[in-house]
All heavy atoms as atom14 arrays in JSON, in Angstrom:
{
  "sequence": "GQDALLLQIDNVTMYKNGNEKIIDTAPTIINSRTMVPVRA",
  "atom14_mask": [
    [1, 1, 1, 1, 0, 0, 0, 0, 0, 0, 0, 0, 0, 0],
    [1, 1, 1, 1, 1, 1, 1, 1, 1, 0, 0, 0, 0, 0],
    [1, 1, 1, 1, 1, 1, 1, 1, 0, 0, 0, 0, 0, 0],
    [1, 1, 1, 1, 1, 0, 0, 0, 0, 0, 0, 0, 0, 0],
    [1, 1, 1, 1, 1, 1, 1, 1, 0, 0, 0, 0, 0, 0],
    [1, 1, 1, 1, 1, 1, 1, 1, 0, 0, 0, 0, 0, 0],
    [1, 1, 1, 1, 1, 1, 1, 1, 0, 0, 0, 0, 0, 0],
    [1, 1, 1, 1, 1, 1, 1, 1, 1, 0, 0, 0, 0, 0],
    [1, 1, 1, 1, 1, 1, 1, 1, 0, 0, 0, 0, 0, 0],
    [1, 1, 1, 1, 1, 1, 1, 1, 0, 0, 0, 0, 0, 0],
    [1, 1, 1, 1, 1, 1, 1, 1, 0, 0, 0, 0, 0, 0],
    [1, 1, 1, 1, 1, 1, 1, 0, 0, 0, 0, 0, 0, 0],
    [1, 1, 1, 1, 1, 1, 1, 0, 0, 0, 0, 0, 0, 0],
    [1, 1, 1, 1, 1, 1, 1, 1, 0, 0, 0, 0, 0, 0],
    [1, 1, 1, 1, 1, 1, 1, 1, 1, 1, 1, 1, 0, 0],
    [1, 1, 1, 1, 1, 1, 1, 1, 1, 0, 0, 0, 0, 0],
    [1, 1, 1, 1, 1, 1, 1, 1, 0, 0, 0, 0, 0, 0],
    [1, 1, 1, 1, 0, 0, 0, 0, 0, 0, 0, 0, 0, 0],
    [1, 1, 1, 1, 1, 1, 1, 1, 0, 0, 0, 0, 0, 0],
    [1, 1, 1, 1, 1, 1, 1, 1, 1, 0, 0, 0, 0, 0],
    [1, 1, 1, 1, 1, 1, 1, 1, 1, 0, 0, 0, 0, 0],
    [1, 1, 1, 1, 1, 1, 1, 1, 0, 0, 0, 0, 0, 0],
    [1, 1, 1, 1, 1, 1, 1, 1, 0, 0, 0, 0, 0, 0],
    [1, 1, 1, 1, 1, 1, 1, 1, 0, 0, 0, 0, 0, 0],
    [1, 1, 1, 1, 1, 1, 1, 0, 0, 0, 0, 0, 0, 0],
    [1, 1, 1, 1, 1, 0, 0, 0, 0, 0, 0, 0, 0, 0],
    [1, 1, 1, 1, 1, 1, 1, 0, 0, 0, 0, 0, 0, 0],
    [1, 1, 1, 1, 1, 1, 1, 0, 0, 0, 0, 0, 0, 0],
    [1, 1, 1, 1, 1, 1, 1, 1, 0, 0, 0, 0, 0, 0],
    [1, 1, 1, 1, 1, 1, 1, 1, 0, 0, 0, 0, 0, 0],
    [1, 1, 1, 1, 1, 1, 1, 1, 0, 0, 0, 0, 0, 0],
    [1, 1, 1, 1, 1, 1, 0, 0, 0, 0, 0, 0, 0, 0],
    [1, 1, 1, 1, 1, 1, 1, 1, 1, 1, 1, 0, 0, 0],
    [1, 1, 1, 1, 1, 1, 1, 0, 0, 0, 0, 0, 0, 0],
    [1, 1, 1, 1, 1, 1, 1, 1, 0, 0, 0, 0, 0, 0],
    [1, 1, 1, 1, 1, 1, 1, 0, 0, 0, 0, 0, 0, 0],
    [1, 1, 1, 1, 1, 1, 1, 0, 0, 0, 0, 0, 0, 0],
    [1, 1, 1, 1, 1, 1, 1, 0, 0, 0, 0, 0, 0, 0],
    [1, 1, 1, 1, 1, 1, 1, 1, 1, 1, 1, 0, 0, 0],
    [1, 1, 1, 1, 1, 0, 0, 0, 0, 0, 0, 0, 0, 0]
  ],
  "atom14_positions": [
    [[-3.87, -12.91, 28.29], [-3.87, -14.19, 27.6], [-3.45, -14.01, 26.16], [-2.44, -13.39, 25.87], [0.0, 0.0, 0.0], [0.0, 0.0, 0.0], [0.0, 0.0, 0.0], [0.0, 0.0, 0.0], [0.0, 0.0, 0.0], [0.0, 0.0, 0.0], [0.0, 0.0, 0.0], [0.0, 0.0, 0.0], [0.0, 0.0, 0.0], [0.0, 0.0, 0.0]],
    [[-4.27, -14.5, 25.24], [-3.99, -14.4, 23.81], [-4.54, -13.11, 23.19], [-4.32, -12.85, 22.01], [-4.58, -15.6, 23.08], [-3.99, -16.93, 23.52], [-2.5, -17.01, 23.22], [-2.06, -16.66, 22.13], [-1.73, -17.47, 24.18], [0.0, 0.0, 0.0], [0.0, 0.0, 0.0], [0.0, 0.0, 0.0], [0.0, 0.0, 0.0], [0.0, 0.0, 0.0]],
    [[-5.27, -12.31, 23.97], [-5.89, -11.09, 23.45], [-4.98, -9.89, 23.62], [-4.3, -9.75, 24.64], [-7.22, -10.81, 24.15], [-8.28, -11.84, 23.81], [-8.29, -12.32, 22.66], [-9.08, -12.17, 24.7], [0.0, 0.0, 0.0], [0.0, 0.0, 0.0], [0.0, 0.0, 0.0], [0.0, 0.0, 0.0], [0.0, 0.0, 0.0], [0.0, 0.0, 0.0]],
    [[-4.99, -9.01, 22.63], [-4.2, -7.78, 22.68], [-5.06, -6.6, 22.26], [-5.79, -6.67, 21.27], [-2.99, -7.89, 21.77], [0.0, 0.0, 0.0], [0.0, 0.0, 0.0], [0.0, 0.0, 0.0], [0.0, 0.0, 0.0], [0.0, 0.0, 0.0], [0.0, 0.0, 0.0], [0.0, 0.0, 0.0], [0.0, 0.0, 0.0], [0.0, 0.0, 0.0]],
    [[-4.97, -5.54, 23.03], [-5.64, -4.27, 22.71], [-4.59, -3.25, 22.33], [-3.55, -3.16, 22.97], [-6.41, -3.72, 23.91], [-7.55, -4.53, 24.48], [-8.17, -3.77, 25.65], [-8.59, -4.81, 23.42], [0.0, 0.0, 0.0], [0.0, 0.0, 0.0], [0.0, 0.0, 0.0], [0.0, 0.0, 0.0], [0.0, 0.0, 0.0], [0.0, 0.0, 0.0]],
    [[-4.89, -2.48, 21.31], [-4.04, -1.36, 20.91], [-4.86, -0.1, 20.98], [-5.95, -0.02, 20.37], [-3.5, -1.56, 19.5], [-2.67, -2.81, 19.24], [-2.31, -2.92, 17.77], [-1.42, -2.79, 20.08], [0.0, 0.0, 0.0], [0.0, 0.0, 0.0], [0.0, 0.0, 0.0], [0.0, 0.0, 0.0], [0.0, 0.0, 0.0], [0.0, 0.0, 0.0]],
    [[-4.39, 0.87, 21.72], [-5.05, 2.17, 21.84], [-4.0, 3.25, 21.61], [-2.85, 3.09, 22.02], [-5.66, 2.36, 23.23], [-6.71, 1.35, 23.67], [-6.1, 0.35, 24.61], [-7.87, 2.06, 24.32], [0.0, 0.0, 0.0], [0.0, 0.0, 0.0], [0.0, 0.0, 0.0], [0.0, 0.0, 0.0], [0.0, 0.0, 0.0], [0.0, 0.0, 0.0]],
    [[-4.41, 4.33, 20.99], [-3.48, 5.42, 20.72], [-3.99, 6.69, 21.39], [-5.19, 6.97, 21.38], [-3.35, 5.63, 19.22], [-2.25, 6.6, 18.85], [-2.06, 6.65, 17.35], [-3.0, 6.59, 16.59], [-0.81, 6.78, 16.93], [0.0, 0.0, 0.0], [0.0, 0.0, 0.0], [0.0, 0.0, 0.0], [0.0, 0.0, 0.0], [0.0, 0.0, 0.0]],
    [[-3.07, 7.45, 21.95], [-3.42, 8.7, 22.62], [-4.2, 9.59, 21.66], [-3.83, 9.76, 20.5], [-2.15, 9.42, 23.13], [-1.39, 8.54, 24.14], [-2.48, 10.78, 23.73], [-2.17, 8.12, 25.36], [0.0, 0.0, 0.0], [0.0, 0.0, 0.0], [0.0, 0.0, 0.0], [0.0, 0.0, 0.0], [0.0, 0.0, 0.0], [0.0, 0.0, 0.0]],
    [[-5.3, 10.15, 22.17], [-6.19, 11.08, 21.44], [-6.86, 10.47, 20.22], [-7.27, 11.17, 19.31], [-5.42, 12.36, 21.04], [-4.92, 13.14, 22.24], [-5.61, 13.14, 23.28], [-3.83, 13.72, 22.15], [0.0, 0.0, 0.0], [0.0, 0.0, 0.0], [0.0, 0.0, 0.0], [0.0, 0.0, 0.0], [0.0, 0.0, 0.0], [0.0, 0.0, 0.0]],
    [[-7.02, 9.14, 20.22], [-7.66, 8.45, 19.1], [-8.76, 7.54, 19.65], [-8.5, 6.75, 20.55], [-6.61, 7.63, 18.35], [-7.12, 7.04, 17.06], [-8.32, 6.86, 16.87], [-6.21, 6.74, 16.17], [0.0, 0.0, 0.0], [0.0, 0.0, 0.0], [0.0, 0.0, 0.0], [0.0, 0.0, 0.0], [0.0, 0.0, 0.0], [0.0, 0.0, 0.0]],
    [[-9.97, 7.65, 19.11], [-11.09, 6.85, 19.62], [-11.2, 5.48, 18.95], [-12.15, 4.75, 19.2], [-12.45, 7.6, 19.49], [-12.48, 8.81, 20.4], [-12.74, 7.95, 18.04], [0.0, 0.0, 0.0], [0.0, 0.0, 0.0], [0.0, 0.0, 0.0], [0.0, 0.0, 0.0], [0.0, 0.0, 0.0], [0.0, 0.0, 0.0], [0.0, 0.0, 0.0]],
    [[-10.24, 5.12, 18.13], [-10.23, 3.79, 17.52], [-9.37, 2.86, 18.36], [-8.21, 3.14, 18.63], [-9.69, 3.83, 16.08], [-10.47, 4.76, 15.32], [-9.78, 2.47, 15.43], [0.0, 0.0, 0.0], [0.0, 0.0, 0.0], [0.0, 0.0, 0.0], [0.0, 0.0, 0.0], [0.0, 0.0, 0.0], [0.0, 0.0, 0.0], [0.0, 0.0, 0.0]],
    [[-9.97, 1.76, 18.81], [-9.26, 0.74, 19.58], [-9.23, -0.53, 18.73], [-10.18, -0.81, 17.99], [-9.99, 0.47, 20.9], [-9.41, -0.66, 21.73], [-10.27, -0.9, 23.32], [-11.79, -1.66, 22.78], [0.0, 0.0, 0.0], [0.0, 0.0, 0.0], [0.0, 0.0, 0.0], [0.0, 0.0, 0.0], [0.0, 0.0, 0.0], [0.0, 0.0, 0.0]],
    [[-8.15, -1.29, 18.82], [-8.05, -2.55, 18.09], [-7.91, -3.69, 19.08], [-7.09, -3.63, 19.99], [-6.84, -2.54, 17.16], [-6.95, -1.51, 16.07], [-6.48, -0.22, 16.26], [-7.54, -1.84, 14.86], [-6.6, 0.74, 15.26], [-7.66, -0.89, 13.85], [-7.19, 0.4, 14.06], [-7.32, 1.33, 13.08], [0.0, 0.0, 0.0], [0.0, 0.0, 0.0]],
    [[-8.75, -4.72, 18.9], [-8.61, -5.94, 19.69], [-8.28, -7.05, 18.7], [-9.09, -7.37, 17.82], [-9.9, -6.28, 20.44], [-9.78, -7.57, 21.24], [-11.05, -7.92, 21.98], [-10.88, -9.22, 22.74], [-12.13, -9.62, 23.4], [0.0, 0.0, 0.0], [0.0, 0.0, 0.0], [0.0, 0.0, 0.0], [0.0, 0.0, 0.0], [0.0, 0.0, 0.0]],
    [[-7.09, -7.61, 18.85], [-6.63, -8.66, 17.95], [-6.79, -8.25, 16.49], [-7.18, -9.04, 15.64], [-7.37, -9.97, 18.23], [-7.17, -10.44, 19.66], [-6.13, -10.21, 20.26], [-8.17, -11.08, 20.21], [0.0, 0.0, 0.0], [0.0, 0.0, 0.0], [0.0, 0.0, 0.0], [0.0, 0.0, 0.0], [0.0, 0.0, 0.0], [0.0, 0.0, 0.0]],
    [[-6.54, -6.98, 16.21], [-6.6, -6.48, 14.84], [-7.95, -6.0, 14.38], [-8.07, -5.39, 13.32], [0.0, 0.0, 0.0], [0.0, 0.0, 0.0], [0.0, 0.0, 0.0], [0.0, 0.0, 0.0], [0.0, 0.0, 0.0], [0.0, 0.0, 0.0], [0.0, 0.0, 0.0], [0.0, 0.0, 0.0], [0.0, 0.0, 0.0], [0.0, 0.0, 0.0]],
    [[-9.0, -6.23, 15.18], [-10.35, -5.79, 14.83], [-10.63, -4.41, 15.4], [-10.45, -4.18, 16.6], [-11.39, -6.79, 15.33], [-11.23, -8.15, 14.69], [-11.11, -8.26, 13.47], [-11.21, -9.2, 15.5], [0.0, 0.0, 0.0], [0.0, 0.0, 0.0], [0.0, 0.0, 0.0], [0.0, 0.0, 0.0], [0.0, 0.0, 0.0], [0.0, 0.0, 0.0]],
    [[-11.08, -3.52, 14.54], [-11.3, -2.12, 14.92], [-12.62, -1.94, 15.67], [-13.64, -2.54, 15.33], [-11.34, -1.3, 13.63], [-11.56, 0.17, 13.83], [-11.55, 0.91, 12.51], [-10.57, 0.79, 11.75], [-12.55, 1.59, 12.25], [0.0, 0.0, 0.0], [0.0, 0.0, 0.0], [0.0, 0.0, 0.0], [0.0, 0.0, 0.0], [0.0, 0.0, 0.0]],
    [[-12.58, -1.09, 16.69], [-13.79, -0.7, 17.42], [-13.65, 0.77, 17.8], [-12.61, 1.2, 18.28], [-13.97, -1.55, 18.68], [-15.2, -1.13, 19.46], [-15.47, -1.97, 20.66], [-16.71, -1.42, 21.34], [-17.2, -2.24, 22.38], [0.0, 0.0, 0.0], [0.0, 0.0, 0.0], [0.0, 0.0, 0.0], [0.0, 0.0, 0.0], [0.0, 0.0, 0.0]],
    [[-14.71, 1.52, 17.59], [-14.73, 2.93, 18.0], [-15.21, 2.99, 19.44], [-16.24, 2.41, 19.79], [-15.66, 3.76, 17.09], [-15.24, 3.64, 15.63], [-15.68, 5.22, 17.54], [-13.82, 4.07, 15.33], [0.0, 0.0, 0.0], [0.0, 0.0, 0.0], [0.0, 0.0, 0.0], [0.0, 0.0, 0.0], [0.0, 0.0, 0.0], [0.0, 0.0, 0.0]],
    [[-14.45, 3.67, 20.28], [-14.8, 3.82, 21.7], [-15.22, 5.26, 21.96], [-14.94, 6.16, 21.16], [-13.64, 3.39, 22.61], [-12.34, 4.14, 22.28], [-13.42, 1.88, 22.5], [-11.16, 3.79, 23.18], [0.0, 0.0, 0.0], [0.0, 0.0, 0.0], [0.0, 0.0, 0.0], [0.0, 0.0, 0.0], [0.0, 0.0, 0.0], [0.0, 0.0, 0.0]],
    [[-15.94, 5.48, 23.05], [-16.5, 6.82, 23.29], [-15.5, 7.83, 23.84], [-15.72, 9.03, 23.74], [-17.74, 6.74, 24.18], [-17.46, 6.19, 25.56], [-16.33, 5.73, 25.81], [-18.38, 6.21, 26.39], [0.0, 0.0, 0.0], [0.0, 0.0, 0.0], [0.0, 0.0, 0.0], [0.0, 0.0, 0.0], [0.0, 0.0, 0.0], [0.0, 0.0, 0.0]],
    [[-14.39, 7.35, 24.4], [-13.4, 8.26, 24.99], [-12.01, 7.82, 24.57], [-11.66, 6.65, 24.7], [-13.5, 8.23, 26.53], [-14.84, 8.55, 26.92], [-12.54, 9.21, 27.16], [0.0, 0.0, 0.0], [0.0, 0.0, 0.0], [0.0, 0.0, 0.0], [0.0, 0.0, 0.0], [0.0, 0.0, 0.0], [0.0, 0.0, 0.0], [0.0, 0.0, 0.0]],
    [[-11.22, 8.75, 24.09], [-9.86, 8.44, 23.67], [-8.91, 8.41, 24.87], [-9.1, 9.17, 25.83], [-9.36, 9.48, 22.67], [0.0, 0.0, 0.0], [0.0, 0.0, 0.0], [0.0, 0.0, 0.0], [0.0, 0.0, 0.0], [0.0, 0.0, 0.0], [0.0, 0.0, 0.0], [0.0, 0.0, 0.0], [0.0, 0.0, 0.0], [0.0, 0.0, 0.0]],
    [[-7.89, 7.57, 24.83], [-6.85, 7.63, 25.85], [-6.18, 9.01, 25.81], [-6.16, 9.66, 24.76], [-5.86, 6.56, 25.42], [-6.62, 5.65, 24.53], [-7.63, 6.5, 23.85], [0.0, 0.0, 0.0], [0.0, 0.0, 0.0], [0.0, 0.0, 0.0], [0.0, 0.0, 0.0], [0.0, 0.0, 0.0], [0.0, 0.0, 0.0], [0.0, 0.0, 0.0]],
    [[-5.67, 9.43, 26.93], [-5.03, 10.74, 27.01], [-3.88, 10.7, 28.0], [-3.72, 9.73, 28.73], [-6.07, 11.81, 27.41], [-5.5, 13.11, 27.24], [-6.55, 11.66, 28.83], [0.0, 0.0, 0.0], [0.0, 0.0, 0.0], [0.0, 0.0, 0.0], [0.0, 0.0, 0.0], [0.0, 0.0, 0.0], [0.0, 0.0, 0.0], [0.0, 0.0, 0.0]],
    [[-3.1, 11.74, 28.01], [-2.01, 11.87, 28.98], [-2.32, 13.08, 29.86], [-2.54, 14.18, 29.34], [-0.65, 12.03, 28.29], [-0.34, 10.77, 27.47], [0.45, 12.28, 29.33], [0.92, 10.86, 26.63], [0.0, 0.0, 0.0], [0.0, 0.0, 0.0], [0.0, 0.0, 0.0], [0.0, 0.0, 0.0], [0.0, 0.0, 0.0], [0.0, 0.0, 0.0]],
    [[-2.33, 12.86, 31.17], [-2.58, 13.92, 32.14], [-1.46, 13.88, 33.17], [-1.23, 12.83, 33.79], [-3.95, 13.74, 32.84], [-5.09, 13.76, 31.81], [-4.16, 14.81, 33.91], [-6.44, 13.41, 32.38], [0.0, 0.0, 0.0], [0.0, 0.0, 0.0], [0.0, 0.0, 0.0], [0.0, 0.0, 0.0], [0.0, 0.0, 0.0], [0.0, 0.0, 0.0]],
    [[-0.77, 14.99, 33.33], [0.33, 15.07, 34.29], [1.33, 13.92, 34.11], [1.71, 13.25, 35.07], [-0.19, 15.1, 35.73], [-1.02, 16.32, 36.02], [-0.77, 17.4, 35.5], [-2.04, 16.16, 36.84], [0.0, 0.0, 0.0], [0.0, 0.0, 0.0], [0.0, 0.0, 0.0], [0.0, 0.0, 0.0], [0.0, 0.0, 0.0], [0.0, 0.0, 0.0]],
    [[1.72, 13.68, 32.88], [2.7, 12.65, 32.53], [2.22, 11.22, 32.81], [3.02, 10.3, 32.88], [4.03, 12.89, 33.24], [4.57, 14.13, 32.87], [0.0, 0.0, 0.0], [0.0, 0.0, 0.0], [0.0, 0.0, 0.0], [0.0, 0.0, 0.0], [0.0, 0.0, 0.0], [0.0, 0.0, 0.0], [0.0, 0.0, 0.0], [0.0, 0.0, 0.0]],
    [[0.92, 11.04, 32.98], [0.34, 9.71, 33.22], [-0.59, 9.37, 32.06], [-1.37, 10.21, 31.62], [-0.48, 9.67, 34.51], [0.3, 10.0, 35.75], [1.08, 8.82, 36.2], [1.72, 9.14, 37.47], [2.64, 8.41, 38.01], [3.04, 7.32, 37.41], [3.19, 8.75, 39.13], [0.0, 0.0, 0.0], [0.0, 0.0, 0.0], [0.0, 0.0, 0.0]],
    [[-0.52, 8.14, 31.59], [-1.4, 7.69, 30.52], [-2.71, 7.2, 31.11], [-2.71, 6.33, 31.99], [-0.73, 6.56, 29.72], [0.52, 7.05, 29.21], [-1.61, 6.1, 28.58], [0.0, 0.0, 0.0], [0.0, 0.0, 0.0], [0.0, 0.0, 0.0], [0.0, 0.0, 0.0], [0.0, 0.0, 0.0], [0.0, 0.0, 0.0], [0.0, 0.0, 0.0]],
    [[-3.81, 7.77, 30.64], [-5.14, 7.39, 31.11], [-5.87, 6.7, 29.96], [-5.9, 7.21, 28.84], [-5.94, 8.63, 31.53], [-5.27, 9.48, 32.57], [-5.19, 8.61, 34.13], [-4.19, 9.75, 35.08], [0.0, 0.0, 0.0], [0.0, 0.0, 0.0], [0.0, 0.0, 0.0], [0.0, 0.0, 0.0], [0.0, 0.0, 0.0], [0.0, 0.0, 0.0]],
    [[-6.42, 5.51, 30.25], [-7.19, 4.78, 29.25], [-8.62, 4.63, 29.76], [-8.85, 4.59, 30.98], [-6.58, 3.39, 28.93], [-5.2, 3.54, 28.32], [-6.54, 2.51, 30.14], [0.0, 0.0, 0.0], [0.0, 0.0, 0.0], [0.0, 0.0, 0.0], [0.0, 0.0, 0.0], [0.0, 0.0, 0.0], [0.0, 0.0, 0.0], [0.0, 0.0, 0.0]],
    [[-9.59, 4.54, 28.87], [-10.98, 4.38, 29.31], [-11.21, 2.98, 29.88], [-11.2, 1.99, 29.15], [-11.79, 4.62, 28.04], [-10.85, 4.37, 26.92], [-9.47, 4.67, 27.43], [0.0, 0.0, 0.0], [0.0, 0.0, 0.0], [0.0, 0.0, 0.0], [0.0, 0.0, 0.0], [0.0, 0.0, 0.0], [0.0, 0.0, 0.0], [0.0, 0.0, 0.0]],
    [[-11.37, 2.9, 31.18], [-11.43, 1.61, 31.87], [-12.6, 0.77, 31.39], [-12.47, -0.45, 31.25], [-11.44, 1.8, 33.41], [-12.72, 2.43, 33.89], [-11.18, 0.48, 34.1], [0.0, 0.0, 0.0], [0.0, 0.0, 0.0], [0.0, 0.0, 0.0], [0.0, 0.0, 0.0], [0.0, 0.0, 0.0], [0.0, 0.0, 0.0], [0.0, 0.0, 0.0]],
    [[-13.75, 1.36, 31.12], [-14.89, 0.56, 30.66], [-14.57, -0.11, 29.32], [-14.82, -1.29, 29.13], [-16.16, 1.39, 30.54], [-17.35, 0.57, 30.02], [-18.64, 1.34, 29.97], [-19.14, 1.69, 31.28], [-19.88, 0.89, 32.06], [-20.15, -0.34, 31.66], [-20.3, 1.3, 33.22], [0.0, 0.0, 0.0], [0.0, 0.0, 0.0], [0.0, 0.0, 0.0]],
    [[-14.01, 0.63, 28.39], [-13.69, 0.07, 27.07], [-12.68, -1.07, 27.2], [-12.84, -2.13, 26.56], [-13.15, 1.16, 26.14], [0.0, 0.0, 0.0], [0.0, 0.0, 0.0], [0.0, 0.0, 0.0], [0.0, 0.0, 0.0], [0.0, 0.0, 0.0], [0.0, 0.0, 0.0], [0.0, 0.0, 0.0], [0.0, 0.0, 0.0], [0.0, 0.0, 0.0]]
  ]
}
């Protein structure tokens, strides 16, 4: 919808609509696949 999340590989800071939130697990790349923390 109108919401946007920004996550960066190996970074625990997530942005929702420009607002910063620290998450417990950083996104990563495993075997050429991008993995994001589904709960966050």
